[in-house]
Each structure stands twice: as C-alpha cells, then as structure tokens.
Amino acid sequence: MAAISLISLVTISVFSSILSSSNALSVNYYHQTCPNVESVIAKVVHKGMINDKTVPAALLRMHFHDCFIRGCDASVLLNSKGNNQAEKDGPPNISLHAFYVIEHAKKDVEKMCPGVVSCADILALAAREAVALSGGPTWDVPKGRKDGRISKANDTRQLPFPTFNISQLQQSFSQRGLSMDDLVALSGGHTLGFSHCSSFQNRIHNFNNITDVDPSMDSSFAASLRQVCPMHNRVKNAGANLDSTPTVFDNKYYKLLLQGKSIFSSDQALMTSSRTKALVKKFATSQEEFYEAFVKSMIKMSSISGGGTEIRLDCRVVNH
C-alpha cells in the first residue's frame, strides 16, 4: 500500500514537473522539429547587414523592447489593427526598424518547418546573430517561446527611458527580475547604434536652472553634440552614434563612459552608484569580462516569460 502511494506520489511529482517545465526554454528545443533553424536565420541577418549596417543594432534593440513589455512574446512585431494601436506604434518604438529582416527569416523558416518556430524565438536568435556578426560573443539561445496575441502602444510607457536616473533604472530592471549587474552588462548593447537628438537633448540644452549642459559630460564632446543637435533642431535624422565604433560590438562604450562621453542620461547614471561604477571600470578594462557578463544577462533577459500561446504564422498578425 505504502509502495503504491509512494509510486503514485513520484508519478504525480514527475508529471507536475513536466507540466511546469513545459513552459521552460531549452537550447535543443528544435533539435528534432527544425534542426537547421539557426543557420537559416543567421543567413538572413547576414544578408540584411550587408545591405544596411544599422541592422544589428536595430535587431538587438527590437528584442530588448519586446522582452521588456509582456515578456519575450513577439508582441513588438504585431501591426496595429482597427482602433488598436500596437507596441510598434508607441512613441519609444517609432524609431524601431528592420522588421523586414524578421519577416524574411520567418518566411524562410516556414518553408522549411511550417508552423513550428515562433516569431519570439526567431527574434531572440536574430538578436544573438546581430551581436555575433558584429564581432561580439556568441551563445546558445534557449528556445521554446510562444507568441502573444496582445500588443498595446500604451504599454511602451513601461520601457526604461534614456533620461532615467539610477534608481529608476534599478526599479525598471528589478520589476523584470534583472539585477544591477544585468543593467550594466545590458547597457553595453549601446556599443551598437545611433540615437536621434531628442533622446539626449536634455543633457545638452537647458540641463537645469544653473547650467545648459550636463556637467558630467566632457565639454568638447558636449560642444560637438550641440553643433549636430541645436536647440530647435529641424533635421529629422540628426543625432549621434552611441560610441565611436557603432557597428562593432566591443567595450568602447564603457571606455567612453569613463571619459564623460556617453550619450544618454541613463548611460551616465551607471557612474552614480559605487556598484555599477565598479562594473563599468571592470568592463572598460576587460572586453572578455564584458562579453561573459553580457551573454549571461542576455540569456536571462531573453528568458523573461511572456504570456504567449501560439506559433504565429505571420509575425505581423495573430493567428485566426
């Protein structure tokens, strides 16, 4: 009798652990069902990069913006429909681009393994390729995300703003299970890409009642930014690269941060707490340590679970 109840208990616990891990991600998730998925996505990202060198930065940012709203569920890829404004039309996401790369990848993956690979996984894999193909580290991406059916422009207000201070950043990250260490490592994604003037205007014009320019910014660097971004900037695409090697995934971002040459208030904020400042110094000194930390934090961020329920057939619209 005891033996039977013990066996049934074991069965129940094994069954419940299978149930709970059915949402768990696995690096071998498509091993049987779509073994070549990663090389197909890599090929599409590489092709996109050759045509437009800003593609890697765009894909990395897109994945980050996806995961920070409703978890990594590809909600950022959905188009607005009727009177529902989707995330991609929320103010912080207006400048997201290179959606076509994900659409091309999805099309090629569907030809090979129809109805198997989620858009959320394709985006996570594309972000990894973006980093690796820009000379950064590579890693095994855990897979098995499902695509969500809800996408609201208003939710994009929950994204961390480039004007955030350290406590606002800490709160934003900790709400998503990410630590201060993750914050510093993931901010290193700013080694790729470009920003429009509007995102750092606050640091170079009317900084506060006393001074026009953020005193923590190198003065000649500030002067060069003020030239590109005058007070009433009318040039639509005016802005600045986030570091001096905007298409190379390196640790230059941290080196410039120590020199007062970062772009956003949220970058400079990393210098205002002893813990985050120490990590900035560590990553500025060792690119290897940065890569290691970035990979760890990236896996953590891209595993924020979404409420996804399906494998979307077209990344832009929910299944009918």
Protein backbone atom coordinates (compact mmCIF):
# COMPACT_ATOMS: atom_id res chain seq x y z
CA MET A 1 0.00 0.00 0.00
CA ALA A 2 2.74 2.41 1.06
CA ALA A 3 4.71 1.39 -2.01
CA ILE A 4 1.75 2.14 -4.29
CA SER A 5 1.13 5.54 -2.75
CA LEU A 6 4.84 6.31 -2.97
CA ILE A 7 4.88 5.37 -6.66
CA SER A 8 1.80 7.47 -7.35
CA LEU A 9 3.36 10.38 -5.46
CA VAL A 10 6.52 10.09 -7.54
CA THR A 11 4.41 9.88 -10.69
CA ILE A 12 2.44 12.96 -9.65
CA SER A 13 5.58 14.95 -8.85
CA VAL A 14 7.28 13.91 -12.10
CA PHE A 15 4.11 14.79 -14.00
CA SER A 16 3.79 18.18 -12.33
CA SER A 17 7.43 18.96 -13.00
CA ILE A 18 6.87 18.08 -16.65
CA LEU A 19 3.85 20.38 -16.65
CA SER A 20 5.72 23.25 -15.07
CA SER A 21 8.70 22.78 -17.38
CA SER A 22 6.52 22.67 -20.46
CA ASN A 23 6.99 26.45 -20.45
CA ALA A 24 10.71 26.10 -19.79
CA LEU A 25 13.07 27.02 -22.58
CA SER A 26 15.66 24.64 -23.93
CA VAL A 27 18.66 25.10 -26.22
CA ASN A 28 17.67 21.86 -28.01
CA TYR A 29 14.02 22.81 -28.43
CA TYR A 30 14.00 22.47 -32.25
CA HIS A 31 16.59 19.69 -32.38
CA GLN A 32 14.08 17.24 -33.85
CA THR A 33 11.44 19.52 -35.38
CA CYS A 34 13.58 22.16 -37.14
CA PRO A 35 17.29 21.35 -36.82
CA ASN A 36 18.56 23.98 -39.29
CA VAL A 37 16.57 26.92 -37.96
CA GLU A 38 19.61 28.78 -36.60
CA SER A 39 21.67 28.71 -39.79
CA VAL A 40 18.68 29.90 -41.83
CA ILE A 41 18.19 32.90 -39.50
CA ALA A 42 21.94 33.65 -39.48
CA LYS A 43 21.94 33.78 -43.28
CA VAL A 44 19.03 36.25 -43.39
CA VAL A 45 20.57 38.52 -40.72
CA HIS A 46 23.90 38.49 -42.52
CA LYS A 47 22.26 39.44 -45.79
CA GLY A 48 20.36 42.26 -44.05
CA MET A 49 23.61 43.55 -42.54
CA ILE A 50 25.36 43.69 -45.89
CA ASN A 51 22.58 45.90 -47.25
CA ASP A 52 22.28 48.07 -44.13
CA LYS A 53 24.96 48.26 -41.45
CA THR A 54 22.44 49.50 -38.84
CA VAL A 55 20.51 46.19 -38.90
CA PRO A 56 22.35 44.56 -35.94
CA ALA A 57 21.68 47.49 -33.59
CA ALA A 58 18.05 47.54 -34.73
CA LEU A 59 17.52 43.82 -34.05
CA LEU A 60 19.17 43.94 -30.63
CA ARG A 61 17.02 46.91 -29.61
CA MET A 62 13.87 45.26 -31.01
CA HIS A 63 14.45 42.13 -28.92
CA PHE A 64 15.08 44.22 -25.80
CA HIS A 65 11.90 46.24 -26.38
CA ASP A 66 9.98 43.00 -26.93
CA CYS A 67 11.15 41.36 -23.71
CA PHE A 68 10.55 44.42 -21.53
CA ILE A 69 6.85 44.56 -22.48
CA ARG A 70 4.80 41.42 -21.67
CA GLY A 71 7.93 39.26 -21.75
CA CYS A 72 9.63 37.89 -24.89
CA ASP A 73 6.47 37.07 -26.83
CA ALA A 74 7.00 38.91 -30.15
CA SER A 75 4.27 41.42 -29.21
CA VAL A 76 6.57 44.13 -30.63
CA LEU A 77 6.18 42.63 -34.12
CA LEU A 78 2.39 42.87 -34.35
CA ASN A 79 0.86 45.54 -36.58
CA SER A 80 -1.77 47.99 -35.33
CA LYS A 81 -5.24 46.91 -36.40
CA GLY A 82 -8.51 48.84 -36.42
CA ASN A 83 -8.52 51.08 -33.39
CA ASN A 84 -5.88 49.06 -31.53
CA GLN A 85 -2.52 50.81 -31.68
CA ALA A 86 0.20 48.15 -31.31
CA GLU A 87 3.52 48.44 -29.46
CA LYS A 88 5.45 49.23 -32.63
CA ASP A 89 3.45 52.49 -32.89
CA GLY A 90 4.13 53.55 -29.30
CA PRO A 91 6.40 56.65 -29.04
CA PRO A 92 9.60 54.85 -27.93
CA ASN A 93 9.19 52.31 -30.76
CA ILE A 94 8.56 54.65 -33.68
CA SER A 95 12.28 54.51 -34.48
CA LEU A 96 12.49 50.69 -34.38
CA HIS A 97 13.32 49.37 -37.83
CA ALA A 98 14.49 46.27 -39.76
CA PHE A 99 11.23 44.39 -39.10
CA TYR A 100 11.62 43.09 -42.66
CA VAL A 101 14.64 41.02 -41.56
CA ILE A 102 12.45 39.10 -39.10
CA GLU A 103 9.75 38.72 -41.76
CA HIS A 104 12.26 37.31 -44.27
CA ALA A 105 13.61 34.92 -41.66
CA LYS A 106 10.10 33.77 -40.76
CA LYS A 107 9.28 33.16 -44.42
CA ASP A 108 12.39 31.02 -44.93
CA VAL A 109 11.84 29.10 -41.68
CA GLU A 110 8.17 28.45 -42.58
CA LYS A 111 9.20 26.96 -45.93
CA MET A 112 11.46 24.54 -44.10
CA CYS A 113 9.40 23.77 -40.97
CA PRO A 114 5.85 25.08 -41.30
CA GLY A 115 4.10 26.11 -38.07
CA VAL A 116 6.95 25.08 -35.79
CA VAL A 117 9.15 28.05 -34.86
CA SER A 118 7.71 31.04 -33.00
CA CYS A 119 8.35 34.63 -34.04
CA ALA A 120 9.59 35.28 -30.48
CA ASP A 121 12.30 32.64 -30.92
CA ILE A 122 13.23 34.00 -34.34
CA LEU A 123 13.71 37.46 -32.82
CA ALA A 124 15.81 36.08 -29.94
CA LEU A 125 18.01 34.17 -32.40
CA ALA A 126 18.29 37.16 -34.73
CA ALA A 127 19.46 39.34 -31.80
CA ARG A 128 22.17 36.78 -30.98
CA GLU A 129 23.31 36.76 -34.64
CA ALA A 130 23.33 40.58 -34.65
CA VAL A 131 25.83 40.57 -31.77
CA ALA A 132 27.97 37.72 -33.12
CA LEU A 133 28.12 39.10 -36.66
CA SER A 134 29.22 42.49 -35.28
CA GLY A 135 32.31 40.88 -33.77
CA GLY A 136 30.77 40.21 -30.35
CA PRO A 137 30.34 36.97 -28.44
CA THR A 138 28.02 34.14 -29.40
CA TRP A 139 26.00 31.85 -27.15
CA ASP A 140 23.39 29.07 -27.15
CA VAL A 141 19.93 30.64 -27.12
CA PRO A 142 17.33 28.77 -25.05
CA LYS A 143 14.23 28.33 -27.23
CA GLY A 144 10.56 27.43 -26.90
CA ARG A 145 8.95 30.86 -26.51
CA LYS A 146 5.35 31.23 -27.67
CA ASP A 147 3.89 34.24 -29.48
CA GLY A 148 1.45 36.55 -27.70
CA ARG A 149 -1.83 37.93 -29.02
CA ILE A 150 -1.85 41.29 -27.20
CA SER A 151 0.11 44.39 -28.23
CA LYS A 152 -0.75 47.88 -26.96
CA ALA A 153 1.06 51.11 -27.79
CA ASN A 154 0.35 52.45 -24.27
CA ASP A 155 2.39 49.63 -22.72
CA THR A 156 5.56 51.09 -24.24
CA ARG A 157 5.48 53.71 -21.46
CA GLN A 158 6.88 50.91 -19.27
CA LEU A 159 10.16 50.85 -21.21
CA PRO A 160 13.15 52.42 -19.45
CA PHE A 161 13.70 55.97 -20.76
CA PRO A 162 17.08 57.36 -21.84
CA THR A 163 16.53 60.14 -19.26
CA PHE A 164 16.23 57.70 -16.29
CA ASN A 165 18.44 58.03 -13.23
CA ILE A 166 19.99 55.04 -11.44
CA SER A 167 17.06 54.38 -9.09
CA GLN A 168 14.52 54.50 -11.93
CA LEU A 169 16.70 52.11 -13.94
CA GLN A 170 17.09 49.78 -10.98
CA GLN A 171 13.32 49.69 -10.48
CA SER A 172 12.62 49.06 -14.17
CA PHE A 173 15.08 46.17 -14.31
CA SER A 174 14.19 44.60 -10.96
CA GLN A 175 10.49 44.52 -11.91
CA ARG A 176 11.59 42.12 -14.64
CA GLY A 177 13.82 40.01 -12.42
CA LEU A 178 17.02 41.68 -13.61
CA SER A 179 19.76 42.90 -11.28
CA MET A 180 22.03 45.96 -11.23
CA ASP A 181 24.75 43.76 -12.73
CA ASP A 182 22.39 42.87 -15.60
CA LEU A 183 21.67 46.58 -16.05
CA VAL A 184 25.35 47.42 -16.51
CA ALA A 185 26.04 44.47 -18.82
CA LEU A 186 22.94 45.02 -20.99
CA SER A 187 23.63 48.77 -21.24
CA GLY A 188 26.72 47.62 -23.14
CA GLY A 189 24.33 46.95 -26.03
CA HIS A 190 24.77 50.69 -26.60
CA THR A 191 28.09 49.75 -28.20
CA LEU A 192 25.96 49.37 -31.35
CA GLY A 193 23.83 52.03 -32.94
CA PHE A 194 22.75 55.62 -33.15
CA SER A 195 20.41 58.00 -31.32
CA HIS A 196 18.28 60.86 -32.57
CA CYS A 197 18.82 64.23 -30.88
CA SER A 198 15.54 64.07 -28.96
CA SER A 199 16.82 61.25 -26.72
CA PHE A 200 19.76 63.23 -25.36
CA GLN A 201 18.56 66.82 -25.84
CA ASN A 202 18.07 67.03 -22.05
CA ARG A 203 21.85 66.78 -21.48
CA ILE A 204 22.98 69.48 -23.91
CA HIS A 205 20.29 72.20 -23.67
CA ASN A 206 18.63 73.59 -20.52
CA PHE A 207 20.11 70.83 -18.36
CA ASN A 208 18.96 72.62 -15.20
CA ASN A 209 18.49 76.12 -13.77
CA ILE A 210 22.20 76.60 -13.30
CA THR A 211 23.77 75.12 -16.41
CA ASP A 212 22.87 74.45 -20.02
CA VAL A 213 24.99 71.32 -20.33
CA ASP A 214 25.21 68.27 -18.07
CA PRO A 215 28.44 68.94 -16.10
CA SER A 216 29.25 65.22 -16.09
CA MET A 217 29.67 65.36 -19.88
CA ASP A 218 33.09 66.09 -21.40
CA SER A 219 32.87 69.73 -22.52
CA SER A 220 34.32 69.36 -26.02
CA PHE A 221 32.14 66.28 -26.59
CA ALA A 222 29.11 68.30 -25.47
CA ALA A 223 30.07 71.11 -27.84
CA SER A 224 30.22 68.70 -30.78
CA LEU A 225 26.78 67.30 -29.88
CA ARG A 226 25.32 70.82 -29.60
CA GLN A 227 26.57 71.51 -33.10
CA VAL A 228 24.80 68.46 -34.53
CA CYS A 229 21.70 68.99 -32.37
CA PRO A 230 20.95 72.71 -31.99
CA MET A 231 18.27 73.81 -29.53
CA HIS A 232 15.46 73.82 -32.11
CA ASN A 233 16.70 71.01 -34.29
CA ARG A 234 14.78 70.71 -37.58
CA VAL A 235 16.87 67.95 -39.16
CA LYS A 236 14.81 64.78 -38.99
CA ASN A 237 17.70 62.32 -38.90
CA ALA A 238 20.17 64.36 -36.87
CA GLY A 239 21.81 62.57 -33.97
CA ALA A 240 24.91 60.78 -32.75
CA ASN A 241 26.46 57.34 -32.70
CA LEU A 242 26.28 55.67 -29.29
CA ASP A 243 30.02 55.03 -29.31
CA SER A 244 32.92 55.67 -31.68
CA THR A 245 32.64 52.19 -33.29
CA PRO A 246 28.84 51.97 -33.81
CA THR A 247 28.90 48.81 -35.94
CA VAL A 248 31.39 46.86 -33.81
CA PHE A 249 30.34 45.02 -30.66
CA ASP A 250 33.22 45.94 -28.34
CA ASN A 251 33.80 47.51 -24.90
CA LYS A 252 34.38 51.04 -26.27
CA TYR A 253 31.05 52.15 -24.74
CA TYR A 254 32.45 51.65 -21.21
CA LYS A 255 35.76 53.36 -22.01
CA LEU A 256 33.91 56.42 -23.32
CA LEU A 257 31.57 56.36 -20.31
CA LEU A 258 34.61 56.78 -18.03
CA GLN A 259 35.67 59.80 -20.13
CA GLY A 260 32.30 61.57 -19.83
CA LYS A 261 31.48 60.76 -23.45
CA SER A 262 28.27 58.75 -23.15
CA ILE A 263 25.11 59.82 -24.96
CA PHE A 264 22.17 59.19 -22.62
CA SER A 265 21.48 60.27 -19.05
CA SER A 266 20.76 56.59 -18.40
CA ASP A 267 24.33 55.74 -19.52
CA GLN A 268 25.87 58.40 -17.28
CA ALA A 269 23.63 57.13 -14.45
CA LEU A 270 25.80 53.99 -14.26
CA MET A 271 28.56 56.23 -12.88
CA THR A 272 26.41 57.39 -9.94
CA SER A 273 26.36 54.22 -7.81
CA SER A 274 29.50 52.54 -6.49
CA ARG A 275 28.42 49.05 -7.58
CA THR A 276 27.56 49.98 -11.16
CA LYS A 277 30.60 52.27 -11.49
CA ALA A 278 32.91 49.44 -10.44
CA LEU A 279 31.41 47.22 -13.15
CA VAL A 280 31.79 49.95 -15.77
CA LYS A 281 35.50 50.14 -14.87
CA LYS A 282 35.82 46.35 -14.99
CA PHE A 283 34.21 46.12 -18.44
CA ALA A 284 36.25 49.07 -19.75
CA THR A 285 39.41 47.22 -18.72
CA SER A 286 38.41 43.77 -19.93
CA GLN A 287 36.37 43.12 -23.06
CA GLU A 288 36.38 39.43 -22.15
CA GLU A 289 34.70 40.09 -18.79
CA PHE A 290 32.13 42.28 -20.56
CA TYR A 291 31.34 39.57 -23.12
CA GLU A 292 30.92 36.97 -20.40
CA ALA A 293 28.59 39.18 -18.36
CA PHE A 294 26.64 40.30 -21.43
CA VAL A 295 25.94 36.71 -22.51
CA LYS A 296 24.75 35.76 -19.02
CA SER A 297 22.45 38.78 -18.74
CA MET A 298 21.22 38.41 -22.31
CA ILE A 299 20.13 34.81 -21.68
CA LYS A 300 18.39 35.99 -18.52
CA MET A 301 16.61 38.86 -20.28
CA SER A 302 15.58 36.80 -23.28
CA SER A 303 14.07 34.22 -20.94
CA ILE A 304 11.58 36.66 -19.35
CA SER A 305 8.47 34.64 -19.93
CA GLY A 306 5.66 36.13 -21.93
CA GLY A 307 2.03 35.08 -21.93
CA GLY A 308 2.42 33.70 -25.43
CA THR A 309 0.05 30.93 -26.52
CA GLU A 310 0.69 30.24 -30.21
CA ILE A 311 3.14 29.90 -33.06
CA ARG A 312 2.23 32.83 -35.26
CA LEU A 313 2.19 32.02 -38.98
CA ASP A 314 2.83 35.65 -39.93
CA CYS A 315 4.81 37.66 -37.37
CA ARG A 316 2.76 40.79 -38.05
CA VAL A 317 -0.68 39.34 -37.25
CA VAL A 318 -2.15 36.95 -34.69
CA ASN A 319 -3.44 33.59 -35.90
CA HIS A 320 -7.13 33.47 -36.74
